[in-house]
Amino acid sequence: MAKSIIKTDQAPEAIGTYSQAVRVGNTVYLSGQIPLVPETMEMVSGDVEAEIRRVFDNLRAVAHAANGSLADVVKLNVFLTDLAHFPSVNQVMAEYFREPYPARAAIGVAALPKGARVEMDAIMVLGD
């Protein structure tokens, strides 16, 4: 099965040797997003909720570039440098997702690129 690379200037460009997303069949694998502002490639300013919103905005932009939406996400992985921010993830996520929610994991990590407090990646399945 052929794979296609998804790229958009509406989300931060890759800061390493990876693609923003890869589509294989109806499945799209979205690379991890940190709270970078696409236009400046600088970290968003503000509290952790601002970082979480920016990450969801970045994921949404990549999903749209793949002709999908966050409603097509079936699996979401959340990486946090402080698990005390988990309630903020839930609060902000409710602004971006409706039931049925995707499967999800939350993982505490020691550090993330560029000093981010949150990173998320996702798997999306598109309809026929």
C-alpha atoms as a PDB file:
ATOM      1  CA  MET A   1       0.000   0.000   0.000  1.00  0.00           C
ATOM      2  CA  ALA A   2       1.377   3.401  -0.988  1.00  0.00           C
ATOM      3  CA  LYS A   3       2.066   6.049   1.580  1.00  0.00           C
ATOM      4  CA  SER A   4       1.660   9.771   1.083  1.00  0.00           C
ATOM      5  CA  ILE A   5       3.281  12.571   3.027  1.00  0.00           C
ATOM      6  CA  ILE A   6       1.063  15.294   4.499  1.00  0.00           C
ATOM      7  CA  LYS A   7       2.543  18.797   4.713  1.00  0.00           C
ATOM      8  CA  THR A   8       0.991  22.162   5.542  1.00  0.00           C
ATOM      9  CA  ASP A   9       2.287  25.613   6.342  1.00  0.00           C
ATOM     10  CA  GLN A  10      -0.644  25.992   8.763  1.00  0.00           C
ATOM     11  CA  ALA A  11       1.285  23.891  11.315  1.00  0.00           C
ATOM     12  CA  PRO A  12       4.928  24.133  12.385  1.00  0.00           C
ATOM     13  CA  GLU A  13       7.375  22.688   9.891  1.00  0.00           C
ATOM     14  CA  ALA A  14       9.215  19.581  11.003  1.00  0.00           C
ATOM     15  CA  ILE A  15      12.183  20.444  13.214  1.00  0.00           C
ATOM     16  CA  GLY A  16      13.886  17.135  12.502  1.00  0.00           C
ATOM     17  CA  THR A  17      13.973  14.193  10.148  1.00  0.00           C
ATOM     18  CA  TYR A  18      10.250  13.462  10.101  1.00  0.00           C
ATOM     19  CA  SER A  19       7.056  14.391   8.253  1.00  0.00           C
ATOM     20  CA  GLN A  20       4.132  16.284   9.762  1.00  0.00           C
ATOM     21  CA  ALA A  21       1.973  13.263   8.945  1.00  0.00           C
ATOM     22  CA  VAL A  22       1.983  10.131   6.814  1.00  0.00           C
ATOM     23  CA  ARG A  23      -1.111   8.589   5.242  1.00  0.00           C
ATOM     24  CA  VAL A  24      -1.314   4.890   4.480  1.00  0.00           C
ATOM     25  CA  GLY A  25      -4.702   3.845   3.131  1.00  0.00           C
ATOM     26  CA  ASN A  26      -7.344   5.487   5.325  1.00  0.00           C
ATOM     27  CA  THR A  27      -5.013   5.826   8.306  1.00  0.00           C
ATOM     28  CA  VAL A  28      -3.065   9.001   8.980  1.00  0.00           C
ATOM     29  CA  TYR A  29      -0.235   9.082  11.509  1.00  0.00           C
ATOM     30  CA  LEU A  30       0.244  12.618  12.858  1.00  0.00           C
ATOM     31  CA  SER A  31       3.690  13.380  14.233  1.00  0.00           C
ATOM     32  CA  GLY A  32       4.112  14.918  17.634  1.00  0.00           C
ATOM     33  CA  GLN A  33       3.248  18.599  17.894  1.00  0.00           C
ATOM     34  CA  ILE A  34       4.616  20.980  20.472  1.00  0.00           C
ATOM     35  CA  PRO A  35       3.273  24.514  21.052  1.00  0.00           C
ATOM     36  CA  LEU A  36       5.149  26.207  18.219  1.00  0.00           C
ATOM     37  CA  VAL A  37       3.452  29.052  16.358  1.00  0.00           C
ATOM     38  CA  PRO A  38       3.661  28.073  12.651  1.00  0.00           C
ATOM     39  CA  GLU A  39       4.356  31.591  11.373  1.00  0.00           C
ATOM     40  CA  THR A  40       7.301  32.242  13.691  1.00  0.00           C
ATOM     41  CA  MET A  41       8.409  28.738  14.734  1.00  0.00           C
ATOM     42  CA  GLU A  42       8.640  30.162  18.269  1.00  0.00           C
ATOM     43  CA  MET A  43       6.960  28.723  21.338  1.00  0.00           C
ATOM     44  CA  VAL A  44       3.553  30.205  22.147  1.00  0.00           C
ATOM     45  CA  SER A  45       3.632  32.535  25.127  1.00  0.00           C
ATOM     46  CA  GLY A  46       1.336  32.054  28.077  1.00  0.00           C
ATOM     47  CA  ASP A  47       0.376  29.427  30.582  1.00  0.00           C
ATOM     48  CA  VAL A  48       0.184  25.669  30.072  1.00  0.00           C
ATOM     49  CA  GLU A  49      -3.393  25.974  28.774  1.00  0.00           C
ATOM     50  CA  ALA A  50      -2.128  28.246  25.984  1.00  0.00           C
ATOM     51  CA  GLU A  51       0.462  25.585  25.143  1.00  0.00           C
ATOM     52  CA  ILE A  52      -2.184  22.849  25.083  1.00  0.00           C
ATOM     53  CA  ARG A  53      -4.463  24.929  22.819  1.00  0.00           C
ATOM     54  CA  ARG A  54      -1.585  25.613  20.417  1.00  0.00           C
ATOM     55  CA  VAL A  55      -0.808  21.895  20.246  1.00  0.00           C
ATOM     56  CA  PHE A  56      -4.446  21.083  19.430  1.00  0.00           C
ATOM     57  CA  ASP A  57      -4.501  23.887  16.841  1.00  0.00           C
ATOM     58  CA  ASN A  58      -1.375  22.428  15.234  1.00  0.00           C
ATOM     59  CA  LEU A  59      -2.823  18.903  15.204  1.00  0.00           C
ATOM     60  CA  ARG A  60      -6.073  20.234  13.733  1.00  0.00           C
ATOM     61  CA  ALA A  61      -4.158  21.998  10.929  1.00  0.00           C
ATOM     62  CA  VAL A  62      -2.331  18.796   9.998  1.00  0.00           C
ATOM     63  CA  ALA A  63      -5.593  16.819  10.182  1.00  0.00           C
ATOM     64  CA  HIS A  64      -7.217  19.320   7.791  1.00  0.00           C
ATOM     65  CA  ALA A  65      -4.248  19.059   5.421  1.00  0.00           C
ATOM     66  CA  ALA A  66      -4.965  15.321   5.304  1.00  0.00           C
ATOM     67  CA  ASN A  67      -8.643  16.047   4.468  1.00  0.00           C
ATOM     68  CA  GLY A  68      -9.755  15.084   7.949  1.00  0.00           C
ATOM     69  CA  SER A  69     -10.558  16.690  11.285  1.00  0.00           C
ATOM     70  CA  LEU A  70      -9.970  16.071  14.961  1.00  0.00           C
ATOM     71  CA  ALA A  71     -13.255  14.130  14.925  1.00  0.00           C
ATOM     72  CA  ASP A  72     -11.386  11.485  12.872  1.00  0.00           C
ATOM     73  CA  VAL A  73      -8.740  10.956  15.581  1.00  0.00           C
ATOM     74  CA  VAL A  74      -8.965   7.451  17.031  1.00  0.00           C
ATOM     75  CA  LYS A  75      -5.853   7.565  19.252  1.00  0.00           C
ATOM     76  CA  LEU A  76      -4.197  10.490  21.002  1.00  0.00           C
ATOM     77  CA  ASN A  77      -0.948  10.356  22.948  1.00  0.00           C
ATOM     78  CA  VAL A  78      -0.233  13.183  25.382  1.00  0.00           C
ATOM     79  CA  PHE A  79       3.269  13.742  26.728  1.00  0.00           C
ATOM     80  CA  LEU A  80       3.585  16.032  29.763  1.00  0.00           C
ATOM     81  CA  THR A  81       6.638  17.183  31.663  1.00  0.00           C
ATOM     82  CA  ASP A  82       4.410  17.542  34.738  1.00  0.00           C
ATOM     83  CA  LEU A  83       1.416  15.237  35.173  1.00  0.00           C
ATOM     84  CA  ALA A  84      -0.137  17.896  37.414  1.00  0.00           C
ATOM     85  CA  HIS A  85      -1.161  19.540  34.097  1.00  0.00           C
ATOM     86  CA  PHE A  86      -3.369  16.556  33.218  1.00  0.00           C
ATOM     87  CA  PRO A  87      -6.587  18.304  34.392  1.00  0.00           C
ATOM     88  CA  SER A  88      -5.763  21.211  32.055  1.00  0.00           C
ATOM     89  CA  VAL A  89      -5.439  18.757  29.167  1.00  0.00           C
ATOM     90  CA  ASN A  90      -8.902  17.405  29.937  1.00  0.00           C
ATOM     91  CA  GLN A  91     -10.392  20.892  30.200  1.00  0.00           C
ATOM     92  CA  VAL A  92      -8.903  22.162  26.925  1.00  0.00           C
ATOM     93  CA  MET A  93      -9.484  18.874  25.100  1.00  0.00           C
ATOM     94  CA  ALA A  94     -13.224  19.250  25.780  1.00  0.00           C
ATOM     95  CA  GLU A  95     -13.117  22.419  23.637  1.00  0.00           C
ATOM     96  CA  TYR A  96     -11.733  20.482  20.651  1.00  0.00           C
ATOM     97  CA  PHE A  97     -13.367  17.037  20.889  1.00  0.00           C
ATOM     98  CA  ARG A  98     -16.877  15.696  21.344  1.00  0.00           C
ATOM     99  CA  GLU A  99     -17.987  12.205  22.316  1.00  0.00           C
ATOM    100  CA  PRO A 100     -17.134   9.589  21.342  1.00  0.00           C
ATOM    101  CA  TYR A 101     -13.647  10.590  22.405  1.00  0.00           C
ATOM    102  CA  PRO A 102     -10.535   8.957  20.957  1.00  0.00           C
ATOM    103  CA  ALA A 103      -8.534   6.403  22.887  1.00  0.00           C
ATOM    104  CA  ARG A 104      -5.804   8.247  24.774  1.00  0.00           C
ATOM    105  CA  ALA A 105      -2.657   7.816  26.802  1.00  0.00           C
ATOM    106  CA  ALA A 106      -0.974  10.399  29.027  1.00  0.00           C
ATOM    107  CA  ILE A 107       2.714   9.900  29.631  1.00  0.00           C
ATOM    108  CA  GLY A 108       4.951  11.800  32.028  1.00  0.00           C
ATOM    109  CA  VAL A 109       8.331  12.624  30.483  1.00  0.00           C
ATOM    110  CA  ALA A 110      11.493  14.290  31.765  1.00  0.00           C
ATOM    111  CA  ALA A 111      11.752  16.860  28.970  1.00  0.00           C
ATOM    112  CA  LEU A 112      10.354  17.826  25.564  1.00  0.00           C
ATOM    113  CA  PRO A 113      11.870  19.698  22.607  1.00  0.00           C
ATOM    114  CA  LYS A 114      12.373  23.463  22.990  1.00  0.00           C
ATOM    115  CA  GLY A 115      11.323  23.336  26.652  1.00  0.00           C
ATOM    116  CA  ALA A 116       7.686  22.553  25.824  1.00  0.00           C
ATOM    117  CA  ARG A 117       5.509  21.335  28.665  1.00  0.00           C
ATOM    118  CA  VAL A 118       3.234  19.311  26.357  1.00  0.00           C
ATOM    119  CA  GLU A 119       3.500  17.348  23.123  1.00  0.00           C
ATOM    120  CA  MET A 120       0.829  15.259  21.414  1.00  0.00           C
ATOM    121  CA  ASP A 121       0.699  12.895  18.494  1.00  0.00           C
ATOM    122  CA  ALA A 122      -2.312  11.145  17.013  1.00  0.00           C
ATOM    123  CA  ILE A 123      -3.653   8.477  14.699  1.00  0.00           C
ATOM    124  CA  MET A 124      -6.578   9.403  12.493  1.00  0.00           C
ATOM    125  CA  VAL A 125      -8.790   7.114  10.397  1.00  0.00           C
ATOM    126  CA  LEU A 126     -10.597   8.733   7.480  1.00  0.00           C
ATOM    127  CA  GLY A 127     -13.889   7.561   5.984  1.00  0.00           C
ATOM    128  CA  ASP A 128     -13.961   6.056   2.513  1.00  0.00           C
END
